[in-house]
N, C-alpha and C. Protein backbone atom coordinates (compact mmCIF):
# COMPACT_ATOMS: atom_id res chain seq x y z
N MET A 1 7.35 -18.93 -2.90
CA MET A 1 7.20 -17.87 -3.09
C MET A 1 5.87 -16.89 -3.01
N LYS A 2 6.44 -15.99 -1.15
CA LYS A 2 5.44 -15.19 -1.59
C LYS A 2 5.02 -14.12 -2.75
N LYS A 3 3.82 -14.15 -2.46
CA LYS A 3 3.31 -13.01 -3.99
C LYS A 3 3.95 -11.14 -3.07
N TYR A 4 3.73 -10.93 -2.15
CA TYR A 4 3.99 -9.04 -1.54
C TYR A 4 3.90 -9.72 -0.15
N GLU A 5 4.63 -8.20 -0.01
CA GLU A 5 4.49 -8.25 1.57
C GLU A 5 4.37 -6.46 1.60
N ILE A 6 3.54 -5.99 2.38
CA ILE A 6 3.59 -4.49 3.14
C ILE A 6 4.71 -3.99 3.54
N LEU A 7 5.13 -2.84 3.25
CA LEU A 7 6.61 -2.32 4.18
C LEU A 7 6.12 -1.13 4.68
N GLU A 8 6.69 -0.67 5.89
CA GLU A 8 6.29 0.67 6.56
C GLU A 8 6.66 1.94 5.33
N HIS A 9 5.46 2.74 5.70
CA HIS A 9 5.34 4.14 5.05
C HIS A 9 4.86 5.28 6.08
N THR A 10 5.51 6.33 6.11
CA THR A 10 4.92 6.80 6.77
C THR A 10 3.51 7.89 6.28
N ALA A 11 2.64 7.63 5.24
CA ALA A 11 1.31 8.34 4.66
C ALA A 11 0.41 7.66 4.48
N ASP A 12 1.52 6.65 3.36
CA ASP A 12 0.35 5.64 2.08
C ASP A 12 1.12 4.41 2.77
N ILE A 13 0.76 3.83 1.42
CA ILE A 13 1.08 1.95 1.40
C ILE A 13 2.41 1.61 0.45
N ARG A 14 2.94 1.05 1.02
CA ARG A 14 4.35 0.86 0.40
C ARG A 14 3.96 -1.30 0.11
N ALA A 15 4.27 -1.29 -1.03
CA ALA A 15 4.21 -2.59 -1.23
C ALA A 15 5.20 -3.47 -2.01
N ARG A 16 6.10 -4.59 -1.18
CA ARG A 16 6.88 -4.91 -2.47
C ARG A 16 6.35 -6.47 -2.71
N ILE A 17 6.26 -6.67 -4.39
CA ILE A 17 5.71 -7.36 -5.07
C ILE A 17 6.60 -8.37 -5.55
N PHE A 18 6.64 -9.66 -5.62
CA PHE A 18 7.40 -11.04 -6.21
C PHE A 18 7.06 -11.98 -7.32
N ALA A 19 7.61 -12.07 -7.49
CA ALA A 19 7.12 -12.95 -8.83
C ALA A 19 8.42 -13.67 -10.09
N ARG A 20 8.48 -14.92 -10.02
CA ARG A 20 8.95 -15.04 -10.96
C ARG A 20 9.31 -14.55 -12.85
N LYS A 21 7.80 -14.76 -13.17
CA LYS A 21 7.51 -13.92 -14.56
C LYS A 21 6.63 -13.06 -14.54
N LYS A 22 7.24 -12.04 -15.61
CA LYS A 22 6.48 -10.92 -15.65
C LYS A 22 5.11 -10.98 -16.04
N GLU A 23 4.32 -11.40 -15.99
CA GLU A 23 3.15 -11.63 -15.86
C GLU A 23 2.46 -11.57 -14.41
N ASP A 24 3.09 -13.01 -13.84
CA ASP A 24 3.19 -13.00 -12.25
C ASP A 24 3.10 -11.67 -11.80
N LEU A 25 4.21 -11.05 -12.45
CA LEU A 25 4.16 -9.34 -11.32
C LEU A 25 3.00 -8.51 -11.15
N PHE A 26 2.46 -8.75 -12.72
CA PHE A 26 0.95 -8.31 -12.58
C PHE A 26 -0.29 -8.84 -11.81
N VAL A 27 -0.03 -10.16 -11.75
CA VAL A 27 -1.08 -10.73 -11.26
C VAL A 27 -1.28 -10.23 -9.85
N ASN A 28 0.20 -11.04 -9.28
CA ASN A 28 0.27 -10.40 -8.09
C ASN A 28 0.65 -8.81 -7.09
N SER A 29 0.92 -8.34 -8.53
CA SER A 29 0.53 -6.99 -8.13
C SER A 29 -1.04 -6.39 -7.21
N ALA A 30 -2.22 -7.36 -8.49
CA ALA A 30 -3.26 -7.00 -8.25
C ALA A 30 -3.99 -7.78 -6.93
N ILE A 31 -3.63 -8.72 -6.89
CA ILE A 31 -3.55 -9.70 -5.85
C ILE A 31 -3.51 -8.63 -4.55
N CYS A 32 -2.31 -7.92 -4.57
CA CYS A 32 -1.71 -7.20 -3.11
C CYS A 32 -2.82 -5.92 -2.74
N LEU A 33 -3.16 -5.52 -4.72
CA LEU A 33 -3.76 -4.20 -4.64
C LEU A 33 -5.65 -4.15 -3.83
N PHE A 34 -5.97 -5.34 -4.05
CA PHE A 34 -7.24 -6.11 -3.87
C PHE A 34 -6.84 -6.81 -2.32
N GLY A 35 -6.39 -7.28 -2.08
CA GLY A 35 -5.70 -7.31 -0.53
C GLY A 35 -5.88 -6.33 0.45
N LEU A 36 -5.30 -5.37 -0.20
CA LEU A 36 -5.85 -4.05 1.06
C LEU A 36 -6.60 -3.26 0.92
N LEU A 37 -7.39 -3.16 0.13
CA LEU A 37 -9.13 -3.08 -0.38
C LEU A 37 -10.36 -3.69 0.27
N THR A 38 -10.16 -5.47 -0.09
CA THR A 38 -11.01 -5.52 0.93
C THR A 38 -10.49 -7.53 1.41
N ASP A 39 -11.26 -7.49 2.48
CA ASP A 39 -10.95 -8.93 3.07
C ASP A 39 -12.05 -10.38 2.73
N LYS A 40 -13.33 -9.06 1.62
CA LYS A 40 -14.30 -10.17 1.70
C LYS A 40 -14.20 -11.03 0.28
N LYS A 41 -14.84 -11.73 0.44
CA LYS A 41 -14.55 -13.31 -0.45
C LYS A 41 -15.94 -13.35 -1.48
N ILE A 42 -15.70 -13.43 -3.15
CA ILE A 42 -16.83 -13.60 -3.55
C ILE A 42 -16.27 -14.35 -4.95
N THR A 43 -17.56 -15.26 -5.37
CA THR A 43 -17.39 -16.22 -6.77
C THR A 43 -17.54 -14.72 -7.84
N ALA A 44 -16.57 -15.84 -8.81
CA ALA A 44 -16.31 -14.73 -9.51
C ALA A 44 -17.35 -15.39 -10.74
N GLU A 45 -18.00 -14.27 -11.23
CA GLU A 45 -19.50 -14.52 -12.08
C GLU A 45 -19.51 -13.87 -13.27
N LYS A 46 -18.98 -13.14 -13.20
CA LYS A 46 -18.66 -11.95 -14.49
C LYS A 46 -17.19 -12.29 -15.33
N ILE A 47 -16.85 -12.25 -16.40
CA ILE A 47 -15.36 -11.46 -16.70
C ILE A 47 -15.70 -10.42 -17.41
N ARG A 48 -14.24 -9.79 -17.22
CA ARG A 48 -13.84 -8.43 -17.69
C ARG A 48 -12.29 -8.45 -19.26
N HIS A 49 -12.08 -7.42 -19.46
CA HIS A 49 -10.88 -7.95 -20.42
C HIS A 49 -10.39 -6.44 -20.32
N ILE A 50 -9.45 -6.70 -19.92
CA ILE A 50 -8.15 -5.51 -20.23
C ILE A 50 -7.40 -5.41 -20.99
N GLU A 51 -6.98 -4.36 -21.83
CA GLU A 51 -6.28 -3.92 -22.47
C GLU A 51 -5.22 -2.92 -22.66
N LEU A 52 -3.94 -2.91 -22.14
CA LEU A 52 -3.05 -1.84 -21.95
C LEU A 52 -1.98 -1.88 -22.59
N SER A 53 -1.18 -0.28 -23.24
CA SER A 53 0.02 -0.87 -23.79
C SER A 53 1.16 0.14 -22.87
N ALA A 54 2.00 0.42 -23.12
CA ALA A 54 3.15 1.38 -22.83
C ALA A 54 4.59 1.33 -23.03
N ALA A 55 5.58 2.73 -23.24
CA ALA A 55 6.64 2.04 -23.62
C ALA A 55 7.53 1.45 -22.82
N LYS A 56 7.21 1.85 -21.51
CA LYS A 56 8.11 1.09 -20.58
C LYS A 56 7.22 0.17 -19.83
N LEU A 57 7.92 -1.33 -18.92
CA LEU A 57 6.79 -1.73 -18.05
C LEU A 57 6.73 -1.30 -16.69
N ASP A 58 7.63 -0.13 -16.30
CA ASP A 58 7.09 0.82 -15.07
C ASP A 58 5.92 1.41 -15.58
N ASP A 59 5.66 1.99 -16.43
CA ASP A 59 4.75 2.84 -17.02
C ASP A 59 3.54 1.50 -17.19
N LEU A 60 3.48 0.92 -17.86
CA LEU A 60 2.84 -0.93 -17.83
C LEU A 60 1.91 -1.21 -16.70
N LEU A 61 2.92 -1.24 -15.43
CA LEU A 61 2.43 -1.69 -14.66
C LEU A 61 1.74 -0.62 -13.30
N ILE A 62 1.73 0.33 -13.58
CA ILE A 62 1.04 1.93 -12.88
C ILE A 62 -0.04 1.64 -13.66
N PHE A 63 -0.44 2.02 -14.88
CA PHE A 63 -1.58 1.58 -16.04
C PHE A 63 -2.73 0.39 -15.53
N TRP A 64 -1.72 -0.64 -15.44
CA TRP A 64 -2.15 -1.60 -15.13
C TRP A 64 -3.46 -1.54 -13.65
N LEU A 65 -2.53 -1.19 -12.49
CA LEU A 65 -3.19 -0.98 -11.21
C LEU A 65 -3.90 0.48 -11.33
N ASN A 66 -4.09 0.89 -11.47
CA ASN A 66 -4.84 1.81 -11.75
C ASN A 66 -6.11 1.79 -12.73
N GLU A 67 -6.11 1.37 -13.79
CA GLU A 67 -7.26 0.76 -14.43
C GLU A 67 -8.00 -0.41 -13.76
N LEU A 68 -7.34 -1.06 -12.52
CA LEU A 68 -8.07 -2.24 -12.13
C LEU A 68 -8.81 -1.24 -10.96
N ILE A 69 -7.80 -0.19 -10.15
CA ILE A 69 -8.65 1.04 -9.24
C ILE A 69 -9.93 1.07 -10.03
N SER A 70 -9.96 1.99 -10.98
CA SER A 70 -11.39 2.42 -11.89
C SER A 70 -12.13 1.75 -12.27
N VAL A 71 -11.52 0.06 -11.92
CA VAL A 71 -12.82 -0.64 -12.41
C VAL A 71 -13.20 -0.63 -11.32
N PHE A 72 -12.64 -1.21 -10.31
CA PHE A 72 -13.72 -1.80 -9.16
C PHE A 72 -14.50 -0.55 -8.03
N TYR A 73 -14.02 0.83 -8.54
CA TYR A 73 -14.99 1.99 -8.16
C TYR A 73 -15.74 2.01 -9.06
N SER A 74 -15.74 2.11 -10.46
CA SER A 74 -16.55 2.84 -11.35
C SER A 74 -17.71 1.56 -11.94
N TYR A 75 -16.59 0.05 -11.69
CA TYR A 75 -18.03 -0.49 -11.96
C TYR A 75 -19.25 -1.20 -10.99
N LYS A 76 -18.20 -1.12 -10.13
CA LYS A 76 -18.32 -1.79 -8.43
C LYS A 76 -17.81 -3.62 -9.13
N PHE A 77 -17.15 -3.67 -9.14
CA PHE A 77 -16.61 -4.98 -10.11
C PHE A 77 -15.15 -5.64 -8.90
N LEU A 78 -15.66 -6.90 -8.30
CA LEU A 78 -14.26 -7.38 -7.57
C LEU A 78 -13.19 -8.03 -8.10
N PRO A 79 -12.19 -8.60 -8.52
CA PRO A 79 -11.75 -9.66 -9.72
C PRO A 79 -10.91 -10.49 -8.67
N VAL A 80 -11.58 -11.37 -8.60
CA VAL A 80 -10.59 -12.31 -7.97
C VAL A 80 -10.09 -13.46 -8.69
N ASP A 81 -9.88 -13.81 -10.31
CA ASP A 81 -8.79 -14.57 -10.78
C ASP A 81 -8.11 -13.36 -11.67
N TYR A 82 -7.29 -13.99 -12.35
CA TYR A 82 -6.63 -12.99 -13.21
C TYR A 82 -5.56 -13.84 -14.32
N ALA A 83 -6.04 -13.20 -15.90
CA ALA A 83 -5.48 -14.17 -17.10
C ALA A 83 -4.64 -13.17 -17.57
N VAL A 84 -3.56 -12.81 -17.54
CA VAL A 84 -2.46 -11.69 -17.93
C VAL A 84 -1.19 -12.44 -19.20
N SER A 85 -1.62 -11.86 -20.01
CA SER A 85 0.22 -12.17 -21.08
C SER A 85 0.48 -10.47 -21.12
N ILE A 86 1.69 -10.66 -21.42
CA ILE A 86 2.77 -9.37 -21.70
C ILE A 86 3.23 -9.61 -23.16
N ASP A 87 3.09 -8.66 -23.88
CA ASP A 87 3.90 -8.79 -25.30
C ASP A 87 5.01 -7.51 -25.03
N ASP A 88 6.27 -7.80 -25.03
CA ASP A 88 7.18 -6.81 -25.00
C ASP A 88 7.68 -6.47 -26.47
N SER A 89 7.34 -5.90 -27.13
CA SER A 89 8.00 -5.93 -28.60
C SER A 89 8.87 -4.79 -28.19
N PRO A 90 9.58 -4.67 -29.17
CA PRO A 90 10.90 -3.48 -28.79
C PRO A 90 9.88 -1.98 -28.91
N GLY A 91 10.14 -1.11 -27.90
CA GLY A 91 9.43 -0.06 -27.92
C GLY A 91 8.52 0.15 -27.36
N ALA A 92 7.45 -1.04 -27.03
CA ALA A 92 6.48 -1.50 -26.28
C ALA A 92 5.70 -2.62 -25.68
N GLN A 93 5.19 -2.10 -24.71
CA GLN A 93 4.74 -3.46 -23.75
C GLN A 93 3.45 -3.45 -23.88
N LYS A 94 2.82 -4.52 -24.15
CA LYS A 94 1.57 -4.67 -24.32
C LYS A 94 0.56 -5.49 -23.45
N LEU A 95 0.09 -5.06 -22.37
CA LEU A 95 -0.91 -6.29 -21.71
C LEU A 95 -2.23 -6.44 -21.88
N VAL A 96 -2.56 -7.96 -22.34
CA VAL A 96 -3.87 -8.50 -22.74
C VAL A 96 -4.25 -9.37 -20.71
N ALA A 97 -5.40 -8.22 -20.47
CA ALA A 97 -5.84 -9.54 -19.19
C ALA A 97 -7.52 -10.00 -19.70
N LYS A 98 -7.82 -10.94 -19.04
CA LYS A 98 -8.81 -10.99 -18.50
C LYS A 98 -9.40 -11.23 -17.32
N ILE A 99 -10.07 -10.66 -16.77
CA ILE A 99 -10.19 -10.93 -15.01
C ILE A 99 -11.43 -11.56 -14.56
N ALA A 100 -11.97 -12.37 -13.82
CA ALA A 100 -12.74 -12.60 -13.60
C ALA A 100 -12.96 -12.54 -12.38
N GLY A 101 -14.27 -11.53 -12.04
CA GLY A 101 -14.95 -11.20 -10.62
C GLY A 101 -16.52 -11.52 -10.24
N GLY A 102 -17.00 -10.13 -9.56
CA GLY A 102 -17.88 -10.22 -9.52
C GLY A 102 -18.97 -8.90 -9.29
N ASP A 103 -19.90 -9.01 -8.43
CA ASP A 103 -20.33 -7.37 -8.31
C ASP A 103 -19.87 -6.94 -6.63
N PHE A 104 -19.52 -6.25 -6.57
CA PHE A 104 -18.82 -5.72 -5.27
C PHE A 104 -19.12 -4.31 -5.09
N ASP A 105 -19.77 -3.97 -3.68
CA ASP A 105 -20.14 -2.75 -3.29
C ASP A 105 -18.97 -1.73 -2.59
N PRO A 106 -17.99 -1.16 -3.61
CA PRO A 106 -16.84 -0.10 -2.41
C PRO A 106 -17.13 0.61 -1.92
N TYR A 107 -18.04 1.36 -1.94
CA TYR A 107 -18.54 1.99 -0.82
C TYR A 107 -19.81 2.28 0.67
N ASP A 108 -19.62 0.54 0.13
CA ASP A 108 -20.21 0.33 1.79
C ASP A 108 -18.57 -0.14 2.80
N SER A 109 -19.23 0.79 3.32
CA SER A 109 -17.73 0.90 5.00
C SER A 109 -17.40 -0.39 5.43
N LYS A 110 -18.48 -1.52 5.47
CA LYS A 110 -18.40 -2.62 6.22
C LYS A 110 -17.10 -3.38 5.21
N ASN A 111 -17.74 -3.56 4.01
CA ASN A 111 -16.32 -4.18 2.54
C ASN A 111 -15.45 -3.64 2.06
N VAL A 112 -15.19 -2.67 2.88
CA VAL A 112 -13.73 -2.22 1.92
C VAL A 112 -12.45 -1.49 3.71
N LYS A 113 -11.33 -2.47 3.59
CA LYS A 113 -10.58 -2.70 4.86
C LYS A 113 -10.13 -0.82 4.59
N SER A 114 -9.28 -0.36 3.23
CA SER A 114 -8.52 0.92 2.93
C SER A 114 -8.80 1.14 2.19
N GLU A 115 -9.36 2.94 1.46
CA GLU A 115 -9.69 2.68 0.45
C GLU A 115 -8.42 3.49 -0.61
N VAL A 116 -8.16 3.20 -1.76
CA VAL A 116 -6.56 3.06 -2.20
C VAL A 116 -7.06 4.14 -3.68
N LYS A 117 -6.38 5.28 -3.67
CA LYS A 117 -7.11 6.09 -4.37
C LYS A 117 -6.28 6.00 -5.85
N ALA A 118 -5.24 5.32 -5.50
CA ALA A 118 -3.66 5.07 -7.21
C ALA A 118 -2.53 4.41 -6.79
N ALA A 119 -1.92 4.25 -7.39
CA ALA A 119 -1.02 3.58 -7.53
C ALA A 119 -0.15 4.86 -8.49
N THR A 120 1.24 4.66 -7.86
CA THR A 120 1.74 5.96 -7.70
C THR A 120 2.98 6.18 -8.75
N TYR A 121 3.99 6.69 -8.78
CA TYR A 121 5.35 6.72 -9.99
C TYR A 121 6.12 6.69 -8.60
N HIS A 122 5.92 7.61 -7.54
CA HIS A 122 7.07 7.86 -5.98
C HIS A 122 7.71 6.51 -5.71
N ASN A 123 8.57 6.82 -5.89
CA ASN A 123 9.85 5.92 -5.22
C ASN A 123 9.66 4.34 -6.23
N LEU A 124 8.89 4.11 -7.40
CA LEU A 124 8.24 2.85 -7.77
C LEU A 124 9.98 2.47 -8.48
N LYS A 125 9.74 0.94 -8.00
CA LYS A 125 11.11 0.30 -8.61
C LYS A 125 10.61 -0.98 -8.98
N ILE A 126 11.01 -1.54 -10.08
CA ILE A 126 11.15 -3.06 -10.89
C ILE A 126 12.58 -3.41 -10.53
N GLU A 127 12.56 -4.80 -10.53
CA GLU A 127 14.43 -4.87 -11.08
C GLU A 127 14.06 -6.78 -11.25
N GLU A 128 14.70 -7.19 -12.06
CA GLU A 128 14.67 -8.50 -12.64
C GLU A 128 16.24 -8.70 -11.95
N ASP A 129 16.29 -10.20 -11.39
CA ASP A 129 17.22 -10.91 -11.49
C ASP A 129 17.18 -12.11 -11.23
N ARG A 130 18.20 -13.51 -11.12
CA ARG A 130 17.79 -14.89 -11.48
C ARG A 130 16.76 -15.42 -10.71
N ASN A 131 15.99 -14.91 -9.82
CA ASN A 131 14.75 -15.25 -9.05
C ASN A 131 13.70 -14.92 -9.85
N GLY A 132 13.77 -14.00 -10.69
CA GLY A 132 12.69 -13.19 -11.52
C GLY A 132 12.69 -11.88 -11.07
N PHE A 133 11.34 -11.22 -10.80
CA PHE A 133 10.84 -9.99 -10.68
C PHE A 133 10.68 -9.58 -8.81
N ILE A 134 11.20 -8.71 -8.68
CA ILE A 134 10.79 -7.80 -7.56
C ILE A 134 10.29 -6.40 -7.81
N ALA A 135 9.38 -5.54 -7.78
CA ALA A 135 8.63 -4.37 -7.89
C ALA A 135 8.18 -4.22 -5.93
N GLU A 136 8.43 -2.41 -5.96
CA GLU A 136 7.99 -1.49 -4.90
C GLU A 136 7.56 -0.51 -4.92
N ILE A 137 6.17 -0.50 -4.92
CA ILE A 137 5.22 0.46 -5.73
C ILE A 137 4.50 1.35 -4.57
N ILE A 138 4.19 2.60 -4.27
CA ILE A 138 3.34 3.20 -3.25
C ILE A 138 2.18 3.50 -3.86
N PHE A 139 0.89 2.66 -2.65
CA PHE A 139 -0.40 3.39 -2.76
C PHE A 139 -0.83 4.69 -2.16
N ASP A 140 -1.75 5.16 -3.06
CA ASP A 140 -1.88 6.76 -2.12
C ASP A 140 -3.65 5.94 -1.63
N VAL A 141 -3.21 6.62 -0.30
CA VAL A 141 -4.69 6.26 0.30
C VAL A 141 -5.43 7.50 0.87
C-alpha cells in the first residue's frame, strides 16, 4: 500500500494519505509532510516526545501536523522515524509519539524543497473503510 499521493490544487498542496491503522495515518501524514519539505536524508541522533489531545480525530491530525511543522522550524529538527500510539477514549483522542531525527537547518534554501506553513482544515477528510483509512489534507504553502 502506498503511503500518500500528491493531488492537484490551485494554490496550495493537497495530499491523500493512506493507512491500514489509525496510528499509520499519523505516521504516513508526517512522512508526506517532510517529503514536501525536503529530500535531504539525515541520521536519527535525537529523540523528541509529543503528546496531544483533541475531541475528534480530524482535530488531532491537524494538531499533529502543525506541531511537527513547529518542531521543524522552531527547533531545527527533522524527524525521520515515528512511533505513534493513539488512545481513542470516548469523547477524546490522545496521541503519544516518540520521534527520532536530527539537527537540520530549515532556513537554508538548498535544504528545503517547499515551505509549508500549516496543515489546514480546508476540505479536510478522514474516511475509514474495510481497507483502513484515507485522509485528504491541504497544506498551506
